[in-house]
N, C-alpha and C. Protein backbone atom coordinates (compact mmCIF):
# COMPACT_ATOMS: atom_id res chain seq x y z
N MET A 1 10.29 11.63 -28.66
CA MET A 1 10.84 10.46 -27.97
C MET A 1 9.73 9.68 -27.28
N ASP A 2 9.78 8.33 -27.41
CA ASP A 2 8.80 7.49 -26.74
C ASP A 2 9.26 7.17 -25.32
N TYR A 3 8.31 7.20 -24.40
CA TYR A 3 8.60 6.88 -23.00
C TYR A 3 7.75 5.69 -22.58
N PRO A 4 8.23 4.87 -21.65
CA PRO A 4 7.43 3.72 -21.19
C PRO A 4 6.18 4.11 -20.42
N GLY A 5 6.18 5.27 -19.78
CA GLY A 5 5.00 5.72 -19.05
C GLY A 5 4.03 6.48 -19.94
N ASN A 6 2.79 6.61 -19.49
CA ASN A 6 1.76 7.35 -20.21
C ASN A 6 1.53 8.71 -19.56
N LEU A 7 1.18 9.68 -20.39
CA LEU A 7 0.94 11.03 -19.92
C LEU A 7 -0.50 11.42 -20.25
N TYR A 8 -1.29 11.68 -19.21
CA TYR A 8 -2.69 12.07 -19.38
C TYR A 8 -2.85 13.53 -18.97
N VAL A 9 -3.55 14.29 -19.79
CA VAL A 9 -3.76 15.71 -19.52
C VAL A 9 -5.26 15.96 -19.43
N VAL A 10 -5.71 16.43 -18.27
CA VAL A 10 -7.13 16.69 -18.04
C VAL A 10 -7.34 18.19 -17.92
N ALA A 11 -8.21 18.72 -18.77
CA ALA A 11 -8.52 20.15 -18.75
C ALA A 11 -10.03 20.34 -18.71
N ALA A 12 -10.45 21.49 -18.19
CA ALA A 12 -11.88 21.77 -18.07
C ALA A 12 -12.06 23.20 -17.58
N PRO A 13 -13.22 23.79 -17.85
CA PRO A 13 -13.52 25.09 -17.25
C PRO A 13 -13.59 24.98 -15.73
N SER A 14 -13.28 26.06 -15.05
CA SER A 14 -13.38 26.10 -13.59
C SER A 14 -14.80 25.78 -13.15
N GLY A 15 -14.92 24.87 -12.16
CA GLY A 15 -16.23 24.51 -11.63
C GLY A 15 -16.83 23.27 -12.25
N THR A 16 -16.15 22.68 -13.22
CA THR A 16 -16.70 21.52 -13.91
C THR A 16 -16.54 20.22 -13.12
N GLY A 17 -15.66 20.22 -12.13
CA GLY A 17 -15.43 19.02 -11.34
C GLY A 17 -14.15 18.30 -11.70
N LYS A 18 -13.28 18.98 -12.44
CA LYS A 18 -12.02 18.39 -12.89
C LYS A 18 -11.17 17.90 -11.71
N SER A 19 -10.99 18.75 -10.71
CA SER A 19 -10.13 18.39 -9.58
C SER A 19 -10.69 17.20 -8.81
N SER A 20 -12.00 17.18 -8.62
CA SER A 20 -12.63 16.06 -7.90
C SER A 20 -12.48 14.76 -8.66
N LEU A 21 -12.62 14.82 -9.99
CA LEU A 21 -12.48 13.61 -10.80
C LEU A 21 -11.05 13.09 -10.78
N VAL A 22 -10.08 13.99 -10.91
CA VAL A 22 -8.68 13.56 -10.89
C VAL A 22 -8.33 12.98 -9.53
N LYS A 23 -8.80 13.60 -8.46
CA LYS A 23 -8.55 13.09 -7.12
C LYS A 23 -9.13 11.69 -6.95
N ALA A 24 -10.35 11.49 -7.43
CA ALA A 24 -10.98 10.17 -7.33
C ALA A 24 -10.24 9.14 -8.17
N LEU A 25 -9.76 9.54 -9.35
CA LEU A 25 -8.99 8.62 -10.19
C LEU A 25 -7.72 8.17 -9.48
N LEU A 26 -7.04 9.09 -8.84
CA LEU A 26 -5.80 8.76 -8.13
C LEU A 26 -6.06 7.79 -6.97
N GLU A 27 -7.25 7.89 -6.37
CA GLU A 27 -7.58 7.02 -5.25
C GLU A 27 -7.85 5.59 -5.68
N VAL A 28 -8.32 5.40 -6.92
CA VAL A 28 -8.69 4.05 -7.36
C VAL A 28 -7.69 3.45 -8.35
N ASP A 29 -6.77 4.25 -8.85
CA ASP A 29 -5.80 3.76 -9.84
C ASP A 29 -4.40 3.92 -9.26
N SER A 30 -3.85 2.83 -8.76
CA SER A 30 -2.56 2.89 -8.07
C SER A 30 -1.40 3.17 -9.02
N ARG A 31 -1.61 3.01 -10.31
CA ARG A 31 -0.54 3.25 -11.27
C ARG A 31 -0.43 4.73 -11.67
N MET A 32 -1.40 5.51 -11.28
CA MET A 32 -1.45 6.91 -11.70
C MET A 32 -0.84 7.81 -10.64
N GLU A 33 -0.05 8.79 -11.09
CA GLU A 33 0.54 9.79 -10.20
C GLU A 33 0.14 11.18 -10.68
N LEU A 34 -0.05 12.08 -9.74
CA LEU A 34 -0.40 13.46 -10.08
C LEU A 34 0.85 14.29 -10.29
N SER A 35 0.86 15.05 -11.37
CA SER A 35 1.93 16.03 -11.57
C SER A 35 1.51 17.33 -10.90
N VAL A 36 2.30 17.79 -9.95
CA VAL A 36 1.96 18.99 -9.20
C VAL A 36 2.53 20.21 -9.92
N SER A 37 1.65 21.14 -10.27
CA SER A 37 2.05 22.34 -11.00
C SER A 37 2.49 23.45 -10.06
N HIS A 38 3.22 24.41 -10.62
CA HIS A 38 3.57 25.64 -9.91
C HIS A 38 2.50 26.69 -10.23
N THR A 39 2.17 27.54 -9.27
CA THR A 39 1.22 28.61 -9.51
C THR A 39 1.56 29.84 -8.67
N THR A 40 1.17 30.99 -9.20
CA THR A 40 1.39 32.24 -8.47
C THR A 40 0.16 32.63 -7.65
N ARG A 41 -0.92 31.85 -7.75
CA ARG A 41 -2.11 32.22 -6.98
C ARG A 41 -1.98 31.80 -5.52
N ALA A 42 -2.80 32.39 -4.68
CA ALA A 42 -2.79 32.06 -3.25
C ALA A 42 -3.49 30.72 -3.00
N PRO A 43 -3.11 29.99 -1.95
CA PRO A 43 -3.78 28.73 -1.62
C PRO A 43 -5.25 28.96 -1.29
N ARG A 44 -6.09 27.95 -1.61
CA ARG A 44 -7.51 28.00 -1.28
C ARG A 44 -7.81 26.93 -0.23
N GLY A 45 -8.67 27.28 0.71
CA GLY A 45 -9.16 26.30 1.67
C GLY A 45 -8.05 25.51 2.34
N GLN A 46 -8.10 24.18 2.17
CA GLN A 46 -7.15 23.28 2.82
C GLN A 46 -5.97 22.89 1.92
N GLU A 47 -5.76 23.63 0.85
CA GLU A 47 -4.66 23.30 -0.05
C GLU A 47 -3.31 23.41 0.65
N VAL A 48 -2.41 22.50 0.30
CA VAL A 48 -1.09 22.43 0.94
C VAL A 48 -0.01 22.57 -0.12
N HIS A 49 1.00 23.37 0.18
CA HIS A 49 2.14 23.55 -0.73
C HIS A 49 2.81 22.21 -1.00
N GLY A 50 2.96 21.87 -2.28
CA GLY A 50 3.59 20.61 -2.65
C GLY A 50 2.61 19.47 -2.85
N ARG A 51 1.36 19.65 -2.43
CA ARG A 51 0.35 18.60 -2.63
C ARG A 51 -0.56 18.97 -3.80
N GLU A 52 -1.33 20.04 -3.66
CA GLU A 52 -2.16 20.49 -4.78
C GLU A 52 -1.34 21.30 -5.79
N TYR A 53 -0.52 22.21 -5.26
CA TYR A 53 0.33 23.06 -6.11
C TYR A 53 1.61 23.39 -5.36
N TYR A 54 2.61 23.84 -6.12
CA TYR A 54 3.75 24.54 -5.54
C TYR A 54 3.43 26.03 -5.65
N PHE A 55 3.13 26.65 -4.53
CA PHE A 55 2.75 28.07 -4.53
C PHE A 55 4.02 28.91 -4.62
N THR A 56 4.12 29.68 -5.68
CA THR A 56 5.37 30.33 -6.07
C THR A 56 5.16 31.83 -6.22
N SER A 57 6.17 32.61 -5.86
CA SER A 57 6.10 34.07 -6.04
C SER A 57 6.21 34.42 -7.52
N GLN A 58 5.76 35.62 -7.87
CA GLN A 58 5.87 36.08 -9.25
C GLN A 58 7.34 36.08 -9.70
N GLU A 59 8.23 36.49 -8.79
CA GLU A 59 9.65 36.59 -9.13
C GLU A 59 10.25 35.20 -9.41
N GLU A 60 9.92 34.24 -8.57
CA GLU A 60 10.43 32.88 -8.76
C GLU A 60 9.88 32.28 -10.05
N PHE A 61 8.60 32.54 -10.32
CA PHE A 61 8.00 32.03 -11.55
C PHE A 61 8.72 32.62 -12.76
N ASP A 62 9.01 33.93 -12.71
CA ASP A 62 9.75 34.58 -13.80
C ASP A 62 11.09 33.89 -14.04
N ARG A 63 11.78 33.57 -12.95
CA ARG A 63 13.09 32.92 -13.07
C ARG A 63 12.97 31.55 -13.73
N MET A 64 11.92 30.81 -13.39
CA MET A 64 11.73 29.49 -13.97
C MET A 64 11.38 29.58 -15.45
N VAL A 65 10.60 30.60 -15.82
CA VAL A 65 10.28 30.81 -17.24
C VAL A 65 11.56 31.10 -18.02
N GLU A 66 12.38 31.98 -17.49
CA GLU A 66 13.64 32.35 -18.16
C GLU A 66 14.59 31.17 -18.29
N ALA A 67 14.53 30.26 -17.33
CA ALA A 67 15.39 29.07 -17.35
C ALA A 67 14.81 27.93 -18.19
N ASN A 68 13.66 28.18 -18.84
CA ASN A 68 12.98 27.16 -19.65
C ASN A 68 12.66 25.92 -18.82
N ALA A 69 12.30 26.14 -17.56
CA ALA A 69 12.04 25.02 -16.64
C ALA A 69 10.64 24.44 -16.82
N PHE A 70 9.75 25.13 -17.53
CA PHE A 70 8.38 24.66 -17.70
C PHE A 70 8.19 24.03 -19.08
N VAL A 71 7.52 22.89 -19.10
CA VAL A 71 7.12 22.31 -20.38
C VAL A 71 5.92 23.08 -20.93
N GLU A 72 5.16 23.70 -20.06
CA GLU A 72 4.07 24.59 -20.44
C GLU A 72 3.79 25.53 -19.30
N TRP A 73 3.33 26.72 -19.64
CA TRP A 73 2.82 27.63 -18.62
C TRP A 73 1.81 28.56 -19.27
N ALA A 74 0.88 29.05 -18.47
CA ALA A 74 -0.16 29.92 -19.00
C ALA A 74 -0.70 30.81 -17.88
N GLN A 75 -1.35 31.88 -18.29
CA GLN A 75 -2.02 32.76 -17.33
C GLN A 75 -3.51 32.48 -17.39
N VAL A 76 -4.09 32.18 -16.24
CA VAL A 76 -5.50 31.81 -16.15
C VAL A 76 -6.14 32.60 -15.01
N HIS A 77 -7.21 33.32 -15.31
CA HIS A 77 -7.92 34.11 -14.30
C HIS A 77 -6.97 35.04 -13.55
N GLY A 78 -5.98 35.57 -14.25
CA GLY A 78 -5.06 36.52 -13.64
C GLY A 78 -3.89 35.91 -12.89
N ASN A 79 -3.82 34.58 -12.83
CA ASN A 79 -2.71 33.89 -12.16
C ASN A 79 -1.96 33.02 -13.16
N ARG A 80 -0.71 32.73 -12.86
CA ARG A 80 0.09 31.90 -13.76
C ARG A 80 0.27 30.50 -13.20
N TYR A 81 0.27 29.53 -14.11
CA TYR A 81 0.43 28.12 -13.77
C TYR A 81 1.47 27.51 -14.70
N GLY A 82 2.34 26.64 -14.18
CA GLY A 82 3.35 26.01 -15.02
C GLY A 82 3.66 24.59 -14.58
N THR A 83 4.09 23.77 -15.54
CA THR A 83 4.41 22.37 -15.28
C THR A 83 5.90 22.14 -15.50
N SER A 84 6.57 21.58 -14.52
CA SER A 84 8.01 21.35 -14.58
C SER A 84 8.36 20.33 -15.66
N ARG A 85 9.22 20.72 -16.57
CA ARG A 85 9.64 19.84 -17.66
C ARG A 85 10.39 18.62 -17.12
N LYS A 86 11.35 18.84 -16.24
CA LYS A 86 12.18 17.75 -15.74
C LYS A 86 11.37 16.72 -14.97
N THR A 87 10.42 17.19 -14.17
CA THR A 87 9.59 16.26 -13.39
C THR A 87 8.83 15.31 -14.30
N ILE A 88 8.20 15.86 -15.35
CA ILE A 88 7.42 15.04 -16.28
C ILE A 88 8.32 14.04 -16.99
N GLU A 89 9.41 14.52 -17.56
CA GLU A 89 10.29 13.64 -18.33
C GLU A 89 10.87 12.52 -17.47
N ASP A 90 11.31 12.87 -16.26
CA ASP A 90 11.90 11.85 -15.38
C ASP A 90 10.89 10.77 -15.02
N LYS A 91 9.65 11.17 -14.73
CA LYS A 91 8.65 10.20 -14.27
C LYS A 91 8.20 9.27 -15.39
N ILE A 92 7.89 9.81 -16.56
CA ILE A 92 7.41 8.92 -17.62
C ILE A 92 8.56 8.10 -18.20
N ALA A 93 9.79 8.61 -18.11
CA ALA A 93 10.95 7.81 -18.54
C ALA A 93 11.15 6.62 -17.62
N ALA A 94 10.74 6.76 -16.35
CA ALA A 94 10.85 5.67 -15.38
C ALA A 94 9.66 4.72 -15.44
N GLY A 95 8.71 4.99 -16.35
CA GLY A 95 7.57 4.10 -16.53
C GLY A 95 6.32 4.48 -15.77
N ALA A 96 6.33 5.63 -15.10
CA ALA A 96 5.15 6.06 -14.34
C ALA A 96 4.08 6.61 -15.28
N ASP A 97 2.82 6.44 -14.89
CA ASP A 97 1.70 7.07 -15.58
C ASP A 97 1.37 8.36 -14.84
N ILE A 98 1.42 9.47 -15.56
CA ILE A 98 1.26 10.78 -14.95
C ILE A 98 -0.01 11.45 -15.45
N VAL A 99 -0.74 12.09 -14.55
CA VAL A 99 -1.90 12.88 -14.94
C VAL A 99 -1.65 14.34 -14.59
N LEU A 100 -1.88 15.21 -15.57
CA LEU A 100 -1.75 16.65 -15.38
C LEU A 100 -3.13 17.27 -15.38
N GLU A 101 -3.37 18.13 -14.43
CA GLU A 101 -4.64 18.85 -14.34
C GLU A 101 -4.35 20.32 -14.65
N ILE A 102 -4.56 20.71 -15.92
CA ILE A 102 -4.18 22.04 -16.36
C ILE A 102 -5.25 22.65 -17.25
N ASP A 103 -5.02 23.90 -17.69
CA ASP A 103 -5.98 24.57 -18.56
C ASP A 103 -5.74 24.15 -20.01
N PHE A 104 -6.66 24.55 -20.90
CA PHE A 104 -6.58 24.08 -22.28
C PHE A 104 -5.35 24.61 -23.01
N GLN A 105 -4.90 25.82 -22.65
CA GLN A 105 -3.70 26.36 -23.29
C GLN A 105 -2.50 25.45 -23.01
N GLY A 106 -2.36 25.06 -21.75
CA GLY A 106 -1.26 24.19 -21.36
C GLY A 106 -1.38 22.82 -22.00
N ALA A 107 -2.61 22.31 -22.13
CA ALA A 107 -2.81 21.00 -22.73
C ALA A 107 -2.31 20.97 -24.17
N VAL A 108 -2.61 22.01 -24.91
CA VAL A 108 -2.16 22.08 -26.31
C VAL A 108 -0.64 22.15 -26.38
N GLN A 109 -0.02 22.91 -25.48
CA GLN A 109 1.44 22.98 -25.45
C GLN A 109 2.06 21.62 -25.13
N ILE A 110 1.44 20.90 -24.20
CA ILE A 110 1.93 19.57 -23.84
C ILE A 110 1.90 18.63 -25.05
N LYS A 111 0.79 18.65 -25.78
CA LYS A 111 0.63 17.76 -26.94
C LYS A 111 1.69 18.04 -28.00
N GLN A 112 2.08 19.29 -28.15
CA GLN A 112 3.10 19.64 -29.14
C GLN A 112 4.45 19.04 -28.78
N GLN A 113 4.73 18.94 -27.49
CA GLN A 113 6.03 18.45 -27.04
C GLN A 113 6.04 16.96 -26.70
N PHE A 114 4.85 16.44 -26.34
CA PHE A 114 4.70 15.01 -26.05
C PHE A 114 3.56 14.48 -26.92
N PRO A 115 3.83 14.11 -28.17
CA PRO A 115 2.75 13.71 -29.10
C PRO A 115 1.91 12.54 -28.61
N ASN A 116 2.47 11.68 -27.74
CA ASN A 116 1.71 10.54 -27.23
C ASN A 116 0.82 10.89 -26.04
N ALA A 117 0.87 12.13 -25.59
CA ALA A 117 0.02 12.53 -24.46
C ALA A 117 -1.45 12.38 -24.82
N VAL A 118 -2.25 11.98 -23.85
CA VAL A 118 -3.69 11.79 -24.05
C VAL A 118 -4.41 13.00 -23.46
N LEU A 119 -5.09 13.76 -24.31
CA LEU A 119 -5.77 14.98 -23.88
C LEU A 119 -7.25 14.70 -23.62
N ILE A 120 -7.71 15.01 -22.41
CA ILE A 120 -9.09 14.73 -21.99
C ILE A 120 -9.74 16.03 -21.54
N PHE A 121 -10.91 16.34 -22.09
CA PHE A 121 -11.62 17.57 -21.72
C PHE A 121 -12.90 17.21 -20.98
N ILE A 122 -13.13 17.89 -19.86
CA ILE A 122 -14.34 17.67 -19.06
C ILE A 122 -15.33 18.80 -19.34
N LEU A 123 -16.55 18.44 -19.72
CA LEU A 123 -17.60 19.42 -19.99
C LEU A 123 -18.64 19.41 -18.88
N PRO A 124 -19.26 20.56 -18.60
CA PRO A 124 -20.42 20.58 -17.70
C PRO A 124 -21.65 20.15 -18.49
N PRO A 125 -22.71 19.70 -17.83
CA PRO A 125 -23.91 19.30 -18.56
C PRO A 125 -24.66 20.48 -19.17
N SER A 126 -24.48 21.68 -18.60
CA SER A 126 -25.16 22.87 -19.12
C SER A 126 -24.50 24.11 -18.53
N TRP A 127 -24.76 25.27 -19.13
CA TRP A 127 -24.25 26.53 -18.57
C TRP A 127 -24.90 26.87 -17.23
N PRO A 128 -26.22 26.71 -17.07
CA PRO A 128 -26.81 27.00 -15.76
C PRO A 128 -26.22 26.13 -14.64
N GLU A 129 -25.95 24.86 -14.95
CA GLU A 129 -25.38 23.97 -13.93
C GLU A 129 -23.96 24.39 -13.58
N LEU A 130 -23.19 24.83 -14.57
CA LEU A 130 -21.83 25.30 -14.28
C LEU A 130 -21.87 26.51 -13.36
N ARG A 131 -22.76 27.45 -13.66
CA ARG A 131 -22.88 28.63 -12.80
C ARG A 131 -23.28 28.23 -11.38
N ALA A 132 -24.22 27.29 -11.27
CA ALA A 132 -24.67 26.84 -9.95
C ALA A 132 -23.53 26.20 -9.17
N ARG A 133 -22.69 25.42 -9.84
CA ARG A 133 -21.56 24.79 -9.16
C ARG A 133 -20.56 25.83 -8.67
N LEU A 134 -20.31 26.84 -9.49
CA LEU A 134 -19.40 27.91 -9.07
C LEU A 134 -19.94 28.65 -7.86
N MET A 135 -21.23 28.87 -7.84
CA MET A 135 -21.84 29.57 -6.71
C MET A 135 -21.82 28.70 -5.45
N ARG A 136 -22.02 27.39 -5.61
CA ARG A 136 -22.03 26.49 -4.45
C ARG A 136 -20.66 26.38 -3.80
N ARG A 137 -19.60 26.63 -4.56
CA ARG A 137 -18.26 26.59 -3.97
C ARG A 137 -18.08 27.68 -2.92
N ASN A 138 -18.83 28.77 -3.09
CA ASN A 138 -18.80 29.88 -2.13
C ASN A 138 -17.38 30.41 -1.91
N GLU A 139 -16.61 30.47 -2.99
CA GLU A 139 -15.23 30.93 -2.91
C GLU A 139 -15.01 32.25 -3.64
N ASP A 140 -15.86 32.54 -4.63
CA ASP A 140 -15.61 33.67 -5.52
C ASP A 140 -16.70 34.72 -5.45
N SER A 141 -16.32 35.95 -5.75
CA SER A 141 -17.29 37.04 -5.84
C SER A 141 -18.11 36.87 -7.12
N GLU A 142 -19.21 37.62 -7.22
CA GLU A 142 -20.05 37.56 -8.41
C GLU A 142 -19.25 37.97 -9.65
N ALA A 143 -18.38 38.97 -9.49
CA ALA A 143 -17.56 39.41 -10.62
C ALA A 143 -16.61 38.31 -11.08
N THR A 144 -16.04 37.58 -10.12
CA THR A 144 -15.13 36.49 -10.47
C THR A 144 -15.88 35.35 -11.15
N ILE A 145 -17.07 35.07 -10.68
CA ILE A 145 -17.89 34.03 -11.31
C ILE A 145 -18.21 34.40 -12.75
N GLU A 146 -18.54 35.67 -12.98
CA GLU A 146 -18.82 36.12 -14.34
C GLU A 146 -17.59 35.95 -15.23
N LEU A 147 -16.41 36.25 -14.68
CA LEU A 147 -15.18 36.07 -15.44
C LEU A 147 -14.96 34.60 -15.76
N ARG A 148 -15.22 33.73 -14.79
CA ARG A 148 -15.03 32.30 -15.02
C ARG A 148 -16.01 31.78 -16.08
N MET A 149 -17.24 32.28 -16.07
CA MET A 149 -18.22 31.87 -17.08
C MET A 149 -17.79 32.33 -18.47
N LYS A 150 -17.29 33.54 -18.55
CA LYS A 150 -16.80 34.06 -19.84
C LYS A 150 -15.63 33.23 -20.34
N ASN A 151 -14.70 32.94 -19.45
CA ASN A 151 -13.55 32.12 -19.84
C ASN A 151 -13.96 30.71 -20.22
N ALA A 152 -14.99 30.19 -19.53
CA ALA A 152 -15.45 28.83 -19.81
C ALA A 152 -15.95 28.70 -21.25
N ALA A 153 -16.66 29.73 -21.72
CA ALA A 153 -17.16 29.69 -23.10
C ALA A 153 -16.01 29.62 -24.10
N GLU A 154 -14.93 30.34 -23.81
CA GLU A 154 -13.76 30.32 -24.69
C GLU A 154 -13.06 28.96 -24.62
N GLU A 155 -13.01 28.37 -23.43
CA GLU A 155 -12.34 27.08 -23.26
C GLU A 155 -13.11 25.96 -23.96
N VAL A 156 -14.42 25.94 -23.79
CA VAL A 156 -15.25 24.90 -24.40
C VAL A 156 -15.12 24.91 -25.93
N ALA A 157 -14.89 26.08 -26.49
CA ALA A 157 -14.75 26.19 -27.95
C ALA A 157 -13.51 25.47 -28.47
N GLN A 158 -12.60 25.08 -27.56
CA GLN A 158 -11.36 24.40 -27.95
C GLN A 158 -11.45 22.88 -27.85
N VAL A 159 -12.63 22.34 -27.61
CA VAL A 159 -12.77 20.92 -27.30
C VAL A 159 -12.27 20.02 -28.43
N ASP A 160 -12.36 20.48 -29.68
CA ASP A 160 -11.93 19.65 -30.81
C ASP A 160 -10.43 19.38 -30.82
N LYS A 161 -9.67 20.09 -30.01
CA LYS A 161 -8.23 19.87 -29.94
C LYS A 161 -7.87 18.71 -29.01
N PHE A 162 -8.88 18.12 -28.37
CA PHE A 162 -8.66 17.06 -27.40
C PHE A 162 -8.97 15.69 -27.99
N ASP A 163 -8.41 14.65 -27.36
CA ASP A 163 -8.62 13.28 -27.83
C ASP A 163 -9.93 12.69 -27.32
N PHE A 164 -10.31 13.05 -26.09
CA PHE A 164 -11.52 12.52 -25.47
C PHE A 164 -12.29 13.64 -24.79
N VAL A 165 -13.60 13.46 -24.67
CA VAL A 165 -14.42 14.42 -23.92
C VAL A 165 -15.34 13.64 -22.98
N ILE A 166 -15.46 14.12 -21.75
CA ILE A 166 -16.33 13.53 -20.74
C ILE A 166 -17.30 14.61 -20.27
N ILE A 167 -18.59 14.29 -20.23
CA ILE A 167 -19.58 15.23 -19.70
C ILE A 167 -19.86 14.85 -18.25
N ASN A 168 -19.49 15.74 -17.35
CA ASN A 168 -19.63 15.45 -15.92
C ASN A 168 -21.02 15.85 -15.43
N GLU A 169 -21.99 15.00 -15.76
CA GLU A 169 -23.35 15.20 -15.28
C GLU A 169 -23.58 14.39 -14.01
N LEU A 170 -23.23 13.10 -14.08
CA LEU A 170 -23.25 12.22 -12.92
C LEU A 170 -21.81 11.87 -12.59
N PHE A 171 -21.37 12.19 -11.39
CA PHE A 171 -19.96 12.05 -11.04
C PHE A 171 -19.44 10.63 -11.24
N GLU A 172 -20.17 9.63 -10.77
CA GLU A 172 -19.70 8.25 -10.87
C GLU A 172 -19.56 7.81 -12.32
N ARG A 173 -20.47 8.26 -13.17
CA ARG A 173 -20.37 7.92 -14.59
C ARG A 173 -19.14 8.59 -15.20
N ALA A 174 -18.92 9.86 -14.86
CA ALA A 174 -17.76 10.58 -15.39
C ALA A 174 -16.46 9.92 -14.93
N LEU A 175 -16.43 9.46 -13.68
CA LEU A 175 -15.23 8.79 -13.17
C LEU A 175 -15.01 7.47 -13.90
N PHE A 176 -16.09 6.73 -14.16
CA PHE A 176 -15.99 5.49 -14.92
C PHE A 176 -15.38 5.76 -16.29
N ASP A 177 -15.85 6.82 -16.94
CA ASP A 177 -15.32 7.18 -18.27
C ASP A 177 -13.84 7.53 -18.19
N LEU A 178 -13.45 8.26 -17.16
CA LEU A 178 -12.04 8.65 -17.01
C LEU A 178 -11.16 7.42 -16.79
N LYS A 179 -11.62 6.48 -15.97
CA LYS A 179 -10.86 5.24 -15.74
C LYS A 179 -10.76 4.43 -17.04
N ALA A 180 -11.84 4.41 -17.81
CA ALA A 180 -11.85 3.65 -19.06
C ALA A 180 -10.84 4.20 -20.05
N ILE A 181 -10.73 5.52 -20.12
CA ILE A 181 -9.75 6.14 -21.02
C ILE A 181 -8.34 5.75 -20.62
N ALA A 182 -8.05 5.84 -19.32
CA ALA A 182 -6.71 5.50 -18.84
C ALA A 182 -6.37 4.05 -19.15
N HIS A 183 -7.33 3.15 -18.91
CA HIS A 183 -7.07 1.73 -19.14
C HIS A 183 -6.90 1.44 -20.62
N ALA A 184 -7.76 2.03 -21.46
CA ALA A 184 -7.67 1.78 -22.90
C ALA A 184 -6.33 2.25 -23.46
N GLN A 185 -5.84 3.38 -22.97
CA GLN A 185 -4.55 3.89 -23.44
C GLN A 185 -3.43 2.91 -23.15
N ARG A 186 -3.48 2.27 -22.00
CA ARG A 186 -2.43 1.31 -21.61
C ARG A 186 -2.45 0.06 -22.47
N LEU A 187 -3.59 -0.22 -23.13
CA LEU A 187 -3.71 -1.43 -23.94
C LEU A 187 -3.43 -1.18 -25.41
N LYS A 188 -3.18 0.06 -25.81
CA LYS A 188 -2.83 0.33 -27.20
C LYS A 188 -1.52 -0.37 -27.54
N VAL A 189 -1.38 -0.76 -28.80
CA VAL A 189 -0.20 -1.51 -29.22
C VAL A 189 1.07 -0.73 -28.91
N ALA A 190 1.10 0.55 -29.25
CA ALA A 190 2.31 1.35 -29.02
C ALA A 190 2.65 1.43 -27.53
N ALA A 191 1.61 1.61 -26.70
CA ALA A 191 1.84 1.71 -25.25
C ALA A 191 2.31 0.38 -24.68
N GLN A 192 1.71 -0.72 -25.13
CA GLN A 192 2.13 -2.04 -24.67
C GLN A 192 3.55 -2.36 -25.13
N ARG A 193 3.87 -1.92 -26.35
CA ARG A 193 5.21 -2.16 -26.87
C ARG A 193 6.27 -1.45 -26.02
N ARG A 194 5.92 -0.24 -25.55
CA ARG A 194 6.85 0.51 -24.71
C ARG A 194 6.93 -0.10 -23.31
N ALA A 195 5.76 -0.43 -22.75
CA ALA A 195 5.71 -0.90 -21.36
C ALA A 195 6.17 -2.35 -21.21
N ARG A 196 5.92 -3.16 -22.24
CA ARG A 196 6.24 -4.60 -22.17
C ARG A 196 7.22 -4.99 -23.28
N ALA A 197 8.28 -4.20 -23.40
CA ALA A 197 9.25 -4.42 -24.48
C ALA A 197 9.85 -5.82 -24.44
N GLU A 198 10.13 -6.34 -23.24
CA GLU A 198 10.74 -7.67 -23.13
C GLU A 198 9.81 -8.75 -23.66
N THR A 199 8.52 -8.61 -23.38
CA THR A 199 7.55 -9.59 -23.87
C THR A 199 7.48 -9.57 -25.39
N PHE A 200 7.47 -8.38 -25.96
CA PHE A 200 7.42 -8.26 -27.42
C PHE A 200 8.67 -8.89 -28.05
N ARG A 201 9.83 -8.66 -27.43
CA ARG A 201 11.06 -9.25 -27.96
C ARG A 201 11.04 -10.78 -27.83
N ALA A 202 10.55 -11.26 -26.69
CA ALA A 202 10.50 -12.71 -26.47
C ALA A 202 9.58 -13.41 -27.47
N LEU A 203 8.55 -12.68 -27.92
CA LEU A 203 7.61 -13.24 -28.90
C LEU A 203 8.03 -12.94 -30.34
N ASP A 204 9.23 -12.36 -30.49
CA ASP A 204 9.76 -12.03 -31.82
C ASP A 204 8.85 -11.10 -32.60
N ILE A 205 8.24 -10.16 -31.88
CA ILE A 205 7.40 -9.16 -32.54
C ILE A 205 8.27 -7.96 -32.86
N PRO A 206 8.42 -7.61 -34.13
CA PRO A 206 9.32 -6.50 -34.50
C PRO A 206 8.78 -5.15 -34.05
């Protein structure tokens, strides 16, 4: 089914700067809204329930899975993450542009159910730089960092399943690229036809 709103899915290995880029995009693009995922992991730092994530118990997450409430869900670094099906459908049906910040497994699931979704993968400039960024966060143990590096190699191998790739070497350049993708998607004929249906009809465009 075609919706008037656009759906953008941003995925990347942990530590690549995905969250910072999405946050910056939301600050400069008033048409974009963040889809808040559910997760079973504990909050980090200044994270707030309902803003960054809906922090959910394992039992509640199980109930939502059984109720088919998620359009996608996956286990990442030992924790589960899921995206509410109803929230996504309601927002893009109302014409909103939604950005999802999820892992590559979830991104592929989203594309299967929403063929018009735009999949964007963020790459680090190098493996040493990714490790350095993870260490600078000062949030994880050495063992956890090693796990994240191992998982990152597996995630990067999936890049061909995405529509666009951004290398986050210089933050401002990466943000420019992300904004350009969002804007270009809105100008595609199919997207314009959905968003500006009245104009197309007025111009007798079939």
